[in-house]
């Protein structure tokens, strides 16, 4: 799996705020999808920090989220994910 992390802070993951204000971690199955999403973040009108894509073992990512009761979503290659405000470019 691949996660987004803030450049210079690779020891943590970047989580996205959902509509209810809750932070959710995206776990991408494919590196290309994570890279594409981070590129769209960079082009968005929203102020996002510089992002890196980091590979993590599937079980480590999911187990950590479940152990800390942290919301996450697995993004498959069949999912289309667009950053907030990207459509306003």
C-alpha atoms as a PDB file:
ATOM      1  CA  UNK A   1       0.000   0.000   0.000  1.00  0.00           C
ATOM      2  CA  UNK A   2       0.983   3.607  -0.451  1.00  0.00           C
ATOM      3  CA  UNK A   3       0.263   6.556   1.796  1.00  0.00           C
ATOM      4  CA  UNK A   4       0.713  10.274   1.428  1.00  0.00           C
ATOM      5  CA  UNK A   5       3.184  11.970   3.748  1.00  0.00           C
ATOM      6  CA  UNK A   6       4.246  15.586   4.134  1.00  0.00           C
ATOM      7  CA  UNK A   7       7.696  16.159   2.632  1.00  0.00           C
ATOM      8  CA  UNK A   8      10.280  16.264   5.384  1.00  0.00           C
ATOM      9  CA  UNK A   9       7.969  14.399   7.788  1.00  0.00           C
ATOM     10  CA  UNK A  10       8.067  10.879   6.383  1.00  0.00           C
ATOM     11  CA  UNK A  11       7.501   9.336   9.820  1.00  0.00           C
ATOM     12  CA  UNK A  12       3.800  10.167   9.659  1.00  0.00           C
ATOM     13  CA  UNK A  13       0.960  10.019   7.180  1.00  0.00           C
ATOM     14  CA  UNK A  14      -1.088  12.813   5.660  1.00  0.00           C
ATOM     15  CA  UNK A  15      -4.791  12.400   6.384  1.00  0.00           C
ATOM     16  CA  UNK A  16      -7.604  14.153   4.543  1.00  0.00           C
ATOM     17  CA  UNK A  17     -10.483  15.843   6.330  1.00  0.00           C
ATOM     18  CA  UNK A  18     -13.895  14.464   5.375  1.00  0.00           C
ATOM     19  CA  UNK A  19     -17.158  16.426   5.196  1.00  0.00           C
ATOM     20  CA  UNK A  20     -17.783  15.966   8.925  1.00  0.00           C
ATOM     21  CA  UNK A  21     -14.330  17.324   9.879  1.00  0.00           C
ATOM     22  CA  UNK A  22     -12.908  13.896  10.708  1.00  0.00           C
ATOM     23  CA  UNK A  23      -9.411  12.985   9.460  1.00  0.00           C
ATOM     24  CA  UNK A  24      -9.288   9.909   7.207  1.00  0.00           C
ATOM     25  CA  UNK A  25      -6.167   8.125   5.988  1.00  0.00           C
ATOM     26  CA  UNK A  26      -6.088   7.085   2.337  1.00  0.00           C
ATOM     27  CA  UNK A  27      -4.349   3.768   1.668  1.00  0.00           C
ATOM     28  CA  UNK A  28      -3.676   3.446  -2.057  1.00  0.00           C
ATOM     29  CA  UNK A  29      -3.266  -0.028  -3.538  1.00  0.00           C
ATOM     30  CA  UNK A  30      -1.348   1.341  -6.538  1.00  0.00           C
ATOM     31  CA  UNK A  31       1.594   3.740  -6.425  1.00  0.00           C
ATOM     32  CA  UNK A  32       0.478   5.446  -9.662  1.00  0.00           C
ATOM     33  CA  UNK A  33      -2.861   6.367  -8.085  1.00  0.00           C
ATOM     34  CA  UNK A  34      -1.166   7.869  -5.020  1.00  0.00           C
ATOM     35  CA  UNK A  35       1.239   9.841  -7.216  1.00  0.00           C
ATOM     36  CA  UNK A  36      -1.615  11.064  -9.422  1.00  0.00           C
ATOM     37  CA  UNK A  37      -3.615  12.187  -6.374  1.00  0.00           C
ATOM     38  CA  UNK A  38      -0.600  14.035  -4.919  1.00  0.00           C
ATOM     39  CA  UNK A  39      -0.054  15.788  -8.267  1.00  0.00           C
ATOM     40  CA  UNK A  40      -3.689  16.880  -8.337  1.00  0.00           C
ATOM     41  CA  UNK A  41      -3.283  18.178  -4.774  1.00  0.00           C
ATOM     42  CA  UNK A  42      -0.353  20.310  -5.936  1.00  0.00           C
ATOM     43  CA  UNK A  43      -2.472  21.802  -8.761  1.00  0.00           C
ATOM     44  CA  UNK A  44      -5.540  22.386  -6.587  1.00  0.00           C
ATOM     45  CA  UNK A  45      -6.731  25.780  -5.350  1.00  0.00           C
ATOM     46  CA  UNK A  46      -6.615  24.347  -1.812  1.00  0.00           C
ATOM     47  CA  UNK A  47      -3.451  25.028   0.214  1.00  0.00           C
ATOM     48  CA  UNK A  48      -1.874  21.562   0.557  1.00  0.00           C
ATOM     49  CA  UNK A  49       1.618  20.953   1.916  1.00  0.00           C
ATOM     50  CA  UNK A  50       4.221  19.375  -0.404  1.00  0.00           C
ATOM     51  CA  UNK A  51       3.490  15.634  -0.485  1.00  0.00           C
ATOM     52  CA  UNK A  52       5.575  12.480  -0.885  1.00  0.00           C
ATOM     53  CA  UNK A  53       4.253   9.015  -1.625  1.00  0.00           C
ATOM     54  CA  UNK A  54       5.516   6.355   0.789  1.00  0.00           C
ATOM     55  CA  UNK A  55       5.160   2.584   0.495  1.00  0.00           C
ATOM     56  CA  UNK A  56       4.103   0.724   3.639  1.00  0.00           C
ATOM     57  CA  UNK A  57       3.319  -2.956   4.167  1.00  0.00           C
ATOM     58  CA  UNK A  58      -0.439  -3.580   3.867  1.00  0.00           C
ATOM     59  CA  UNK A  59      -0.801  -5.257   7.236  1.00  0.00           C
ATOM     60  CA  UNK A  60       1.209  -2.586   9.071  1.00  0.00           C
ATOM     61  CA  UNK A  61      -0.903   0.278   7.698  1.00  0.00           C
ATOM     62  CA  UNK A  62      -4.256  -1.368   8.365  1.00  0.00           C
ATOM     63  CA  UNK A  63      -3.276  -2.766  11.788  1.00  0.00           C
ATOM     64  CA  UNK A  64      -2.002   0.641  12.931  1.00  0.00           C
ATOM     65  CA  UNK A  65      -5.247   2.338  11.889  1.00  0.00           C
ATOM     66  CA  UNK A  66      -7.360  -0.300  13.603  1.00  0.00           C
ATOM     67  CA  UNK A  67      -5.219  -0.313  16.767  1.00  0.00           C
ATOM     68  CA  UNK A  68      -5.664   3.454  17.177  1.00  0.00           C
ATOM     69  CA  UNK A  69      -9.259   3.459  15.906  1.00  0.00           C
ATOM     70  CA  UNK A  70      -8.187   5.785  13.077  1.00  0.00           C
ATOM     71  CA  UNK A  71     -10.522   5.978  10.073  1.00  0.00           C
ATOM     72  CA  UNK A  72      -9.039   4.826   6.775  1.00  0.00           C
ATOM     73  CA  UNK A  73     -10.145   4.039   3.249  1.00  0.00           C
ATOM     74  CA  UNK A  74      -8.442   1.627   0.865  1.00  0.00           C
ATOM     75  CA  UNK A  75      -8.291   3.198  -2.597  1.00  0.00           C
ATOM     76  CA  UNK A  76      -8.271   0.548  -5.324  1.00  0.00           C
ATOM     77  CA  UNK A  77      -7.267   1.026  -8.957  1.00  0.00           C
ATOM     78  CA  UNK A  78     -11.006   1.116  -9.786  1.00  0.00           C
ATOM     79  CA  UNK A  79     -11.642   4.175  -7.594  1.00  0.00           C
ATOM     80  CA  UNK A  80     -11.551   7.744  -8.868  1.00  0.00           C
ATOM     81  CA  UNK A  81     -10.384  10.124  -6.156  1.00  0.00           C
ATOM     82  CA  UNK A  82     -10.159  13.878  -6.717  1.00  0.00           C
ATOM     83  CA  UNK A  83      -8.880  16.386  -4.129  1.00  0.00           C
ATOM     84  CA  UNK A  84     -11.209  18.998  -2.727  1.00  0.00           C
ATOM     85  CA  UNK A  85     -11.420  22.132  -4.905  1.00  0.00           C
ATOM     86  CA  UNK A  86      -9.562  20.440  -7.798  1.00  0.00           C
ATOM     87  CA  UNK A  87     -12.588  20.925 -10.035  1.00  0.00           C
ATOM     88  CA  UNK A  88     -12.409  24.711  -9.532  1.00  0.00           C
ATOM     89  CA  UNK A  89      -9.146  25.100 -11.462  1.00  0.00           C
END
